């Protein structure tokens, strides 16, 4: 229950203008191929792995968060809500954990990146010579 005093403190003075800026609830991200690039993306609707060719573009609309693994950082341009973020890396550089999230600046967080899907190598069997008895 709110007291009348606290309610009055929240109301603007007469003639004062109040602007409320709602927090961004979703984001639209576009990846544009500048060269061929292998990528993974994890977002609200799941996970996908794909090649983006030069001149192609892929769009994710109205998502809250998306995390990328980019196999050739110089081969892709990202656009978040209409604004290009510029270059994210060098030719052939791998970027894991590129995060776009509604209401926040893009950033790289390897903790949110993709884990290696390689299975550990099995030990090499050791050949044991057995002594043959005749």
Protein backbone atom coordinates (compact mmCIF):
# COMPACT_ATOMS: atom_id res chain seq x y z
CA UNK A 1 0.00 0.00 0.00
CA UNK A 2 1.34 3.37 -0.99
CA UNK A 3 0.91 6.34 1.32
CA UNK A 4 -0.44 9.55 -0.15
CA UNK A 5 2.89 11.23 0.64
CA UNK A 6 4.96 8.73 -1.41
CA UNK A 7 2.43 8.95 -4.24
CA UNK A 8 2.82 12.74 -4.28
CA UNK A 9 6.60 12.40 -4.46
CA UNK A 10 6.24 10.33 -7.63
CA UNK A 11 3.99 12.81 -9.40
CA UNK A 12 5.66 15.59 -11.42
CA UNK A 13 5.13 19.20 -10.41
CA UNK A 14 2.53 21.14 -12.38
CA UNK A 15 3.87 22.08 -15.80
CA UNK A 16 6.82 19.67 -15.57
CA UNK A 17 7.23 17.36 -18.54
CA UNK A 18 8.04 13.71 -17.94
CA UNK A 19 9.52 11.41 -20.57
CA UNK A 20 9.57 7.70 -20.02
CA UNK A 21 11.90 5.66 -22.16
CA UNK A 22 10.90 2.00 -22.05
CA UNK A 23 13.71 -0.53 -21.84
CA UNK A 24 14.30 -2.35 -25.10
CA UNK A 25 12.48 -5.66 -24.97
CA UNK A 26 13.82 -7.09 -28.21
CA UNK A 27 16.55 -6.59 -30.76
CA UNK A 28 16.96 -7.25 -34.47
CA UNK A 29 20.38 -8.44 -35.62
CA UNK A 30 21.55 -8.79 -39.23
CA UNK A 31 24.72 -10.59 -40.32
CA UNK A 32 25.98 -9.55 -43.78
CA UNK A 33 28.58 -11.68 -45.53
CA UNK A 34 31.64 -9.74 -46.72
CA UNK A 35 33.43 -13.03 -47.41
CA UNK A 36 32.54 -16.68 -46.81
CA UNK A 37 32.25 -17.29 -43.08
CA UNK A 38 31.26 -20.25 -40.93
CA UNK A 39 29.05 -19.30 -37.98
CA UNK A 40 27.02 -20.65 -35.09
CA UNK A 41 24.19 -18.74 -33.42
CA UNK A 42 22.27 -19.44 -30.20
CA UNK A 43 19.09 -17.43 -29.61
CA UNK A 44 15.56 -17.53 -28.20
CA UNK A 45 14.47 -20.07 -30.81
CA UNK A 46 17.39 -22.50 -30.53
CA UNK A 47 20.81 -23.01 -32.03
CA UNK A 48 21.95 -23.06 -35.67
CA UNK A 49 25.16 -23.58 -37.61
CA UNK A 50 25.60 -22.21 -41.13
CA UNK A 51 27.88 -20.74 -43.81
CA UNK A 52 27.29 -17.13 -44.80
CA UNK A 53 28.54 -16.37 -48.31
CA UNK A 54 29.74 -13.01 -49.62
CA UNK A 55 26.69 -10.83 -50.38
CA UNK A 56 24.27 -12.96 -48.33
CA UNK A 57 22.53 -11.71 -45.23
CA UNK A 58 20.76 -13.44 -42.37
CA UNK A 59 18.34 -11.68 -40.03
CA UNK A 60 17.07 -12.45 -36.52
CA UNK A 61 14.04 -10.28 -35.63
CA UNK A 62 12.50 -9.51 -32.26
CA UNK A 63 14.80 -11.66 -30.14
CA UNK A 64 15.94 -10.89 -26.60
CA UNK A 65 19.48 -12.25 -26.92
CA UNK A 66 21.76 -13.90 -29.48
CA UNK A 67 25.29 -15.29 -29.08
CA UNK A 68 27.60 -15.96 -32.04
CA UNK A 69 30.66 -18.03 -32.83
CA UNK A 70 32.26 -16.52 -35.94
CA UNK A 71 34.89 -18.47 -37.90
CA UNK A 72 36.25 -15.51 -39.89
CA UNK A 73 35.71 -12.26 -37.99
CA UNK A 74 36.59 -10.02 -40.96
CA UNK A 75 34.12 -11.89 -43.19
CA UNK A 76 30.93 -10.59 -41.59
CA UNK A 77 29.33 -7.25 -40.75
CA UNK A 78 26.80 -7.14 -37.92
CA UNK A 79 23.97 -4.64 -37.77
CA UNK A 80 22.04 -4.30 -34.49
CA UNK A 81 18.73 -2.43 -34.65
CA UNK A 82 19.86 -0.66 -37.82
CA UNK A 83 23.35 0.35 -36.62
CA UNK A 84 26.50 -1.31 -37.98
CA UNK A 85 28.93 -2.27 -35.22
CA UNK A 86 31.94 -2.10 -37.53
CA UNK A 87 34.69 -4.70 -37.72
CA UNK A 88 34.77 -7.33 -34.98
CA UNK A 89 38.14 -8.82 -35.88
CA UNK A 90 40.81 -9.80 -38.37
CA UNK A 91 40.82 -12.08 -41.42
CA UNK A 92 40.65 -15.71 -40.21
CA UNK A 93 40.20 -14.71 -36.54
CA UNK A 94 37.71 -16.80 -34.56
CA UNK A 95 35.40 -14.88 -32.21
CA UNK A 96 33.48 -17.00 -29.70
CA UNK A 97 30.86 -15.40 -27.46
CA UNK A 98 29.80 -12.31 -29.45
CA UNK A 99 26.64 -11.27 -27.57
CA UNK A 100 23.80 -9.01 -28.69
CA UNK A 101 21.13 -8.46 -26.02
CA UNK A 102 18.08 -6.21 -25.93
CA UNK A 103 18.75 -3.01 -24.00
CA UNK A 104 22.52 -3.58 -23.76
CA UNK A 105 25.60 -2.83 -25.85
CA UNK A 106 27.07 -5.70 -27.82
CA UNK A 107 30.09 -7.35 -26.22
CA UNK A 108 32.29 -10.43 -26.29
CA UNK A 109 31.84 -12.84 -23.38
CA UNK A 110 33.65 -16.13 -23.88
CA UNK A 111 31.76 -17.54 -20.88
CA UNK A 112 28.58 -17.37 -22.97
CA UNK A 113 30.36 -18.78 -26.03
CA UNK A 114 30.07 -22.22 -27.54
CA UNK A 115 31.78 -25.21 -25.97
CA UNK A 116 33.86 -27.55 -28.09
CA UNK A 117 31.76 -30.42 -29.41
CA UNK A 118 34.79 -32.61 -29.97
CA UNK A 119 34.72 -35.83 -28.02
CA UNK A 120 37.90 -36.56 -26.12
CA UNK A 121 40.29 -38.93 -27.84
CA UNK A 122 40.12 -42.49 -26.68
CA UNK A 123 43.36 -43.89 -25.33
CA UNK A 124 45.46 -45.76 -27.86
CA UNK A 125 45.30 -49.47 -27.07
CA UNK A 126 48.57 -50.91 -25.87
CA UNK A 127 49.69 -54.14 -27.44
CA UNK A 128 50.90 -56.52 -24.82
CA UNK A 129 53.22 -59.24 -26.04
CA UNK A 130 52.15 -62.51 -24.66
CA UNK A 131 54.67 -65.20 -24.10
CA UNK A 132 53.66 -68.23 -26.11
CA UNK A 133 54.36 -71.49 -24.43
CA UNK A 134 54.90 -74.62 -26.50
